[in-house]
């Protein structure tokens, strides 16, 4: 499968999680394209122009948006990785979701107002977070913000799209946490 790895860590981060994910996916036989949000031109918050264009037909107003949407539409799966900060995913990741999962890209509205998924190419989605404390894993692993974003991502994919969520604590090996979360992703 062709996988998009969305790296929500800052450039000065010492996290080994994105590299562990990439190694694991390659070892399972996947082709991996990495999108590092910080170096790809994504800010934490939508601009006024992006907000105004959200419901318009031509709602992809920046080059980073258009480039990322092209990647999302061309892959079979997406893995998002980021730190948990102040009990939620990194702001740059939330901003990326707001800019990319827009009407006409991630979903379509029917004449009757029903929402229909538009990313039928997605067969697998995952989010792997890095939690700062051991206690955070139990909170975020069950029903935290990362889990909710993973479900939302899956709902825009194909009907048989599978979702995985995992979190890694500082005391855990990133390779072990990634293997646990992506154990069913083998191309087999």
C-alpha atoms as a PDB file:
ATOM      1  CA  UNK A   1       0.000   0.000   0.000  1.00  0.00           C
ATOM      2  CA  UNK A   2       1.031   3.603  -0.482  1.00  0.00           C
ATOM      3  CA  UNK A   3       0.983   5.383   2.881  1.00  0.00           C
ATOM      4  CA  UNK A   4       1.111   9.091   3.759  1.00  0.00           C
ATOM      5  CA  UNK A   5       2.912   9.726   7.049  1.00  0.00           C
ATOM      6  CA  UNK A   6       1.850  13.099   8.451  1.00  0.00           C
ATOM      7  CA  UNK A   7       4.522  14.274  10.889  1.00  0.00           C
ATOM      8  CA  UNK A   8       3.087  16.784  13.371  1.00  0.00           C
ATOM      9  CA  UNK A   9       6.284  17.224  15.391  1.00  0.00           C
ATOM     10  CA  UNK A  10       8.321  20.426  15.325  1.00  0.00           C
ATOM     11  CA  UNK A  11      11.664  20.521  13.539  1.00  0.00           C
ATOM     12  CA  UNK A  12      13.513  20.892  16.847  1.00  0.00           C
ATOM     13  CA  UNK A  13      11.718  17.914  18.394  1.00  0.00           C
ATOM     14  CA  UNK A  14      13.857  15.059  19.591  1.00  0.00           C
ATOM     15  CA  UNK A  15      11.047  12.552  19.059  1.00  0.00           C
ATOM     16  CA  UNK A  16      12.012   9.276  17.430  1.00  0.00           C
ATOM     17  CA  UNK A  17       8.379   8.427  16.699  1.00  0.00           C
ATOM     18  CA  UNK A  18       8.157   9.570  13.031  1.00  0.00           C
ATOM     19  CA  UNK A  19      11.315   7.622  12.120  1.00  0.00           C
ATOM     20  CA  UNK A  20      10.050   4.527  13.970  1.00  0.00           C
ATOM     21  CA  UNK A  21       6.761   4.673  12.053  1.00  0.00           C
ATOM     22  CA  UNK A  22       8.528   5.073   8.716  1.00  0.00           C
ATOM     23  CA  UNK A  23      10.892   2.143   9.458  1.00  0.00           C
ATOM     24  CA  UNK A  24       7.994  -0.076  10.530  1.00  0.00           C
ATOM     25  CA  UNK A  25       5.893   0.689   7.447  1.00  0.00           C
ATOM     26  CA  UNK A  26       8.838   0.096   5.093  1.00  0.00           C
ATOM     27  CA  UNK A  27       9.563  -3.216   6.858  1.00  0.00           C
ATOM     28  CA  UNK A  28       5.955  -4.266   6.230  1.00  0.00           C
ATOM     29  CA  UNK A  29       6.347  -3.583   2.514  1.00  0.00           C
ATOM     30  CA  UNK A  30       4.567  -0.222   2.217  1.00  0.00           C
ATOM     31  CA  UNK A  31       5.652   2.753   0.113  1.00  0.00           C
ATOM     32  CA  UNK A  32       5.807   5.756   2.453  1.00  0.00           C
ATOM     33  CA  UNK A  33       5.500   9.433   1.572  1.00  0.00           C
ATOM     34  CA  UNK A  34       6.261  11.726   4.534  1.00  0.00           C
ATOM     35  CA  UNK A  35       4.633  15.137   4.956  1.00  0.00           C
ATOM     36  CA  UNK A  36       6.387  17.158   7.675  1.00  0.00           C
ATOM     37  CA  UNK A  37       3.834  19.830   8.516  1.00  0.00           C
ATOM     38  CA  UNK A  38       6.264  22.426   9.884  1.00  0.00           C
ATOM     39  CA  UNK A  39       8.523  22.399   6.824  1.00  0.00           C
ATOM     40  CA  UNK A  40       5.595  22.073   4.381  1.00  0.00           C
ATOM     41  CA  UNK A  41       4.171  25.529   5.009  1.00  0.00           C
ATOM     42  CA  UNK A  42       1.393  24.723   7.474  1.00  0.00           C
ATOM     43  CA  UNK A  43       0.787  27.176  10.285  1.00  0.00           C
ATOM     44  CA  UNK A  44      -1.057  26.252  13.446  1.00  0.00           C
ATOM     45  CA  UNK A  45      -4.177  28.222  12.561  1.00  0.00           C
ATOM     46  CA  UNK A  46      -6.177  28.793   9.401  1.00  0.00           C
ATOM     47  CA  UNK A  47      -5.733  32.174   7.775  1.00  0.00           C
ATOM     48  CA  UNK A  48      -8.699  34.484   7.247  1.00  0.00           C
ATOM     49  CA  UNK A  49      -8.577  33.665   3.515  1.00  0.00           C
ATOM     50  CA  UNK A  50      -8.718  29.910   4.251  1.00  0.00           C
ATOM     51  CA  UNK A  51     -11.657  30.392   6.629  1.00  0.00           C
ATOM     52  CA  UNK A  52     -13.626  32.436   4.082  1.00  0.00           C
ATOM     53  CA  UNK A  53     -13.014  29.857   1.327  1.00  0.00           C
ATOM     54  CA  UNK A  54     -13.928  26.799   3.451  1.00  0.00           C
ATOM     55  CA  UNK A  55     -17.475  26.381   2.028  1.00  0.00           C
ATOM     56  CA  UNK A  56     -16.647  27.662  -1.464  1.00  0.00           C
ATOM     57  CA  UNK A  57     -16.261  25.363  -4.456  1.00  0.00           C
ATOM     58  CA  UNK A  58     -12.641  26.472  -4.904  1.00  0.00           C
ATOM     59  CA  UNK A  59     -11.682  26.092  -1.231  1.00  0.00           C
ATOM     60  CA  UNK A  60      -8.026  25.105  -1.652  1.00  0.00           C
ATOM     61  CA  UNK A  61      -6.440  28.553  -1.565  1.00  0.00           C
ATOM     62  CA  UNK A  62      -2.803  27.841  -0.654  1.00  0.00           C
ATOM     63  CA  UNK A  63      -0.109  25.784  -2.336  1.00  0.00           C
ATOM     64  CA  UNK A  64       0.524  23.653   0.808  1.00  0.00           C
ATOM     65  CA  UNK A  65      -3.211  22.785   0.870  1.00  0.00           C
ATOM     66  CA  UNK A  66      -3.269  21.774  -2.791  1.00  0.00           C
ATOM     67  CA  UNK A  67      -0.076  19.718  -2.436  1.00  0.00           C
ATOM     68  CA  UNK A  68      -1.354  17.909   0.701  1.00  0.00           C
ATOM     69  CA  UNK A  69      -4.766  17.207  -0.840  1.00  0.00           C
ATOM     70  CA  UNK A  70      -3.011  15.683  -3.864  1.00  0.00           C
ATOM     71  CA  UNK A  71      -1.095  13.390  -1.513  1.00  0.00           C
ATOM     72  CA  UNK A  72      -4.209  12.446   0.507  1.00  0.00           C
ATOM     73  CA  UNK A  73      -6.086  11.567  -2.679  1.00  0.00           C
ATOM     74  CA  UNK A  74      -3.219   9.432  -4.026  1.00  0.00           C
ATOM     75  CA  UNK A  75      -2.577   7.120  -1.051  1.00  0.00           C
ATOM     76  CA  UNK A  76      -4.215   3.993   0.366  1.00  0.00           C
ATOM     77  CA  UNK A  77      -3.607   4.938   3.978  1.00  0.00           C
ATOM     78  CA  UNK A  78      -2.671   7.783   6.295  1.00  0.00           C
ATOM     79  CA  UNK A  79      -0.707   7.664   9.541  1.00  0.00           C
ATOM     80  CA  UNK A  80      -0.683  10.872  11.589  1.00  0.00           C
ATOM     81  CA  UNK A  81       1.871  11.222  14.386  1.00  0.00           C
ATOM     82  CA  UNK A  82       2.163  14.094  16.830  1.00  0.00           C
ATOM     83  CA  UNK A  83       2.727  14.968  20.471  1.00  0.00           C
ATOM     84  CA  UNK A  84      -0.072  15.360  22.980  1.00  0.00           C
ATOM     85  CA  UNK A  85       0.249  18.834  24.466  1.00  0.00           C
ATOM     86  CA  UNK A  86      -2.025  20.197  27.202  1.00  0.00           C
ATOM     87  CA  UNK A  87      -4.322  17.190  26.799  1.00  0.00           C
ATOM     88  CA  UNK A  88      -4.835  17.497  23.047  1.00  0.00           C
ATOM     89  CA  UNK A  89      -3.051  16.918  19.744  1.00  0.00           C
ATOM     90  CA  UNK A  90      -0.584  19.517  18.499  1.00  0.00           C
ATOM     91  CA  UNK A  91      -2.261  22.665  17.091  1.00  0.00           C
ATOM     92  CA  UNK A  92      -0.490  22.250  13.739  1.00  0.00           C
ATOM     93  CA  UNK A  93      -2.181  18.848  13.321  1.00  0.00           C
ATOM     94  CA  UNK A  94      -5.614  20.279  14.110  1.00  0.00           C
ATOM     95  CA  UNK A  95      -4.918  23.073  11.628  1.00  0.00           C
ATOM     96  CA  UNK A  96      -3.898  20.526   8.982  1.00  0.00           C
ATOM     97  CA  UNK A  97      -7.165  18.613   9.451  1.00  0.00           C
ATOM     98  CA  UNK A  98      -9.177  21.859   9.177  1.00  0.00           C
ATOM     99  CA  UNK A  99      -7.439  22.814   5.927  1.00  0.00           C
ATOM    100  CA  UNK A 100      -7.394  19.416   4.200  1.00  0.00           C
ATOM    101  CA  UNK A 101     -10.632  17.727   5.268  1.00  0.00           C
ATOM    102  CA  UNK A 102     -12.853  20.325   3.641  1.00  0.00           C
ATOM    103  CA  UNK A 103     -16.077  19.963   1.634  1.00  0.00           C
ATOM    104  CA  UNK A 104     -15.397  18.515  -1.809  1.00  0.00           C
ATOM    105  CA  UNK A 105     -12.168  16.885  -0.654  1.00  0.00           C
ATOM    106  CA  UNK A 106     -12.963  14.693   2.358  1.00  0.00           C
ATOM    107  CA  UNK A 107     -16.732  14.669   2.031  1.00  0.00           C
ATOM    108  CA  UNK A 108     -19.506  15.818  -0.257  1.00  0.00           C
ATOM    109  CA  UNK A 109     -22.937  17.171   0.528  1.00  0.00           C
ATOM    110  CA  UNK A 110     -25.848  15.674  -1.403  1.00  0.00           C
ATOM    111  CA  UNK A 111     -28.850  17.684  -2.586  1.00  0.00           C
ATOM    112  CA  UNK A 112     -30.716  16.573   0.548  1.00  0.00           C
ATOM    113  CA  UNK A 113     -27.867  17.754   2.790  1.00  0.00           C
ATOM    114  CA  UNK A 114     -26.522  14.286   3.568  1.00  0.00           C
ATOM    115  CA  UNK A 115     -22.767  13.978   4.076  1.00  0.00           C
ATOM    116  CA  UNK A 116     -21.048  11.370   1.875  1.00  0.00           C
ATOM    117  CA  UNK A 117     -17.385  10.348   2.292  1.00  0.00           C
ATOM    118  CA  UNK A 118     -15.203  11.425  -0.639  1.00  0.00           C
ATOM    119  CA  UNK A 119     -11.903   9.651   0.074  1.00  0.00           C
ATOM    120  CA  UNK A 120     -12.797   6.157  -1.125  1.00  0.00           C
ATOM    121  CA  UNK A 121      -9.085   5.554  -1.770  1.00  0.00           C
ATOM    122  CA  UNK A 122      -8.383   5.335   1.988  1.00  0.00           C
ATOM    123  CA  UNK A 123      -8.346   1.763   3.275  1.00  0.00           C
ATOM    124  CA  UNK A 124      -6.317   2.311   6.455  1.00  0.00           C
ATOM    125  CA  UNK A 125      -5.869   5.264   8.795  1.00  0.00           C
ATOM    126  CA  UNK A 126      -3.989   5.593  12.060  1.00  0.00           C
ATOM    127  CA  UNK A 127      -2.910   8.131  14.612  1.00  0.00           C
ATOM    128  CA  UNK A 128       0.027   7.551  16.916  1.00  0.00           C
ATOM    129  CA  UNK A 129       0.612  10.127  19.621  1.00  0.00           C
ATOM    130  CA  UNK A 130       3.445  10.754  22.028  1.00  0.00           C
ATOM    131  CA  UNK A 131       2.065  11.384  25.510  1.00  0.00           C
ATOM    132  CA  UNK A 132       4.213  13.264  28.031  1.00  0.00           C
ATOM    133  CA  UNK A 133       3.252  11.196  31.075  1.00  0.00           C
ATOM    134  CA  UNK A 134       2.407   7.589  31.825  1.00  0.00           C
ATOM    135  CA  UNK A 135      -1.069   8.518  33.099  1.00  0.00           C
ATOM    136  CA  UNK A 136      -1.887  10.339  29.866  1.00  0.00           C
ATOM    137  CA  UNK A 137      -1.812   7.121  27.868  1.00  0.00           C
ATOM    138  CA  UNK A 138      -4.805   5.614  29.645  1.00  0.00           C
ATOM    139  CA  UNK A 139      -6.825   8.794  29.134  1.00  0.00           C
ATOM    140  CA  UNK A 140      -5.928   9.399  25.492  1.00  0.00           C
ATOM    141  CA  UNK A 141      -5.766   5.759  24.516  1.00  0.00           C
ATOM    142  CA  UNK A 142      -9.441   5.250  25.231  1.00  0.00           C
ATOM    143  CA  UNK A 143     -11.370   8.359  24.324  1.00  0.00           C
ATOM    144  CA  UNK A 144      -9.055  11.330  23.972  1.00  0.00           C
ATOM    145  CA  UNK A 145      -8.814  13.858  21.196  1.00  0.00           C
ATOM    146  CA  UNK A 146      -6.473  11.661  19.121  1.00  0.00           C
ATOM    147  CA  UNK A 147      -8.966   8.806  19.163  1.00  0.00           C
ATOM    148  CA  UNK A 148     -11.756  11.157  18.018  1.00  0.00           C
ATOM    149  CA  UNK A 149      -9.638  12.512  15.159  1.00  0.00           C
ATOM    150  CA  UNK A 150      -8.815   8.953  14.076  1.00  0.00           C
ATOM    151  CA  UNK A 151     -12.531   8.086  13.914  1.00  0.00           C
ATOM    152  CA  UNK A 152     -13.269  11.278  11.972  1.00  0.00           C
ATOM    153  CA  UNK A 153     -10.494  10.458   9.521  1.00  0.00           C
ATOM    154  CA  UNK A 154     -11.853   6.922   9.019  1.00  0.00           C
ATOM    155  CA  UNK A 155     -15.367   8.212   8.361  1.00  0.00           C
ATOM    156  CA  UNK A 156     -14.084  10.075   5.285  1.00  0.00           C
ATOM    157  CA  UNK A 157     -12.502   6.922   3.818  1.00  0.00           C
ATOM    158  CA  UNK A 158     -13.892   3.891   2.049  1.00  0.00           C
ATOM    159  CA  UNK A 159     -16.658   1.872   3.679  1.00  0.00           C
ATOM    160  CA  UNK A 160     -14.133  -0.790   4.718  1.00  0.00           C
ATOM    161  CA  UNK A 161     -11.521   1.644   5.977  1.00  0.00           C
ATOM    162  CA  UNK A 162      -9.865   0.386   9.173  1.00  0.00           C
ATOM    163  CA  UNK A 163      -8.623   2.682  11.916  1.00  0.00           C
ATOM    164  CA  UNK A 164      -5.869   2.271  14.517  1.00  0.00           C
ATOM    165  CA  UNK A 165      -4.917   4.509  17.402  1.00  0.00           C
ATOM    166  CA  UNK A 166      -1.985   4.241  19.744  1.00  0.00           C
ATOM    167  CA  UNK A 167       0.017   6.352  22.116  1.00  0.00           C
ATOM    168  CA  UNK A 168       3.608   6.066  23.217  1.00  0.00           C
ATOM    169  CA  UNK A 169       4.909   7.288  26.574  1.00  0.00           C
ATOM    170  CA  UNK A 170       8.468   8.482  27.253  1.00  0.00           C
ATOM    171  CA  UNK A 171       9.236   5.253  29.108  1.00  0.00           C
ATOM    172  CA  UNK A 172       8.197   3.094  26.127  1.00  0.00           C
ATOM    173  CA  UNK A 173      10.266   2.328  23.047  1.00  0.00           C
ATOM    174  CA  UNK A 174       8.773   4.108  20.005  1.00  0.00           C
ATOM    175  CA  UNK A 175       9.402   0.973  17.918  1.00  0.00           C
ATOM    176  CA  UNK A 176       7.365  -1.126  20.347  1.00  0.00           C
ATOM    177  CA  UNK A 177       4.481   1.367  20.445  1.00  0.00           C
ATOM    178  CA  UNK A 178       4.413   1.623  16.643  1.00  0.00           C
ATOM    179  CA  UNK A 179       4.504  -2.167  16.217  1.00  0.00           C
ATOM    180  CA  UNK A 180       1.602  -2.528  18.674  1.00  0.00           C
ATOM    181  CA  UNK A 181      -0.513   0.076  16.877  1.00  0.00           C
ATOM    182  CA  UNK A 182       0.237  -0.995  13.296  1.00  0.00           C
ATOM    183  CA  UNK A 183       0.371  -4.769  13.832  1.00  0.00           C
ATOM    184  CA  UNK A 184      -2.430  -5.387  11.311  1.00  0.00           C
ATOM    185  CA  UNK A 185      -0.952  -3.209   8.552  1.00  0.00           C
ATOM    186  CA  UNK A 186       1.218  -5.889   6.926  1.00  0.00           C
ATOM    187  CA  UNK A 187       0.781  -6.004   3.156  1.00  0.00           C
ATOM    188  CA  UNK A 188       0.891  -9.796   3.450  1.00  0.00           C
END
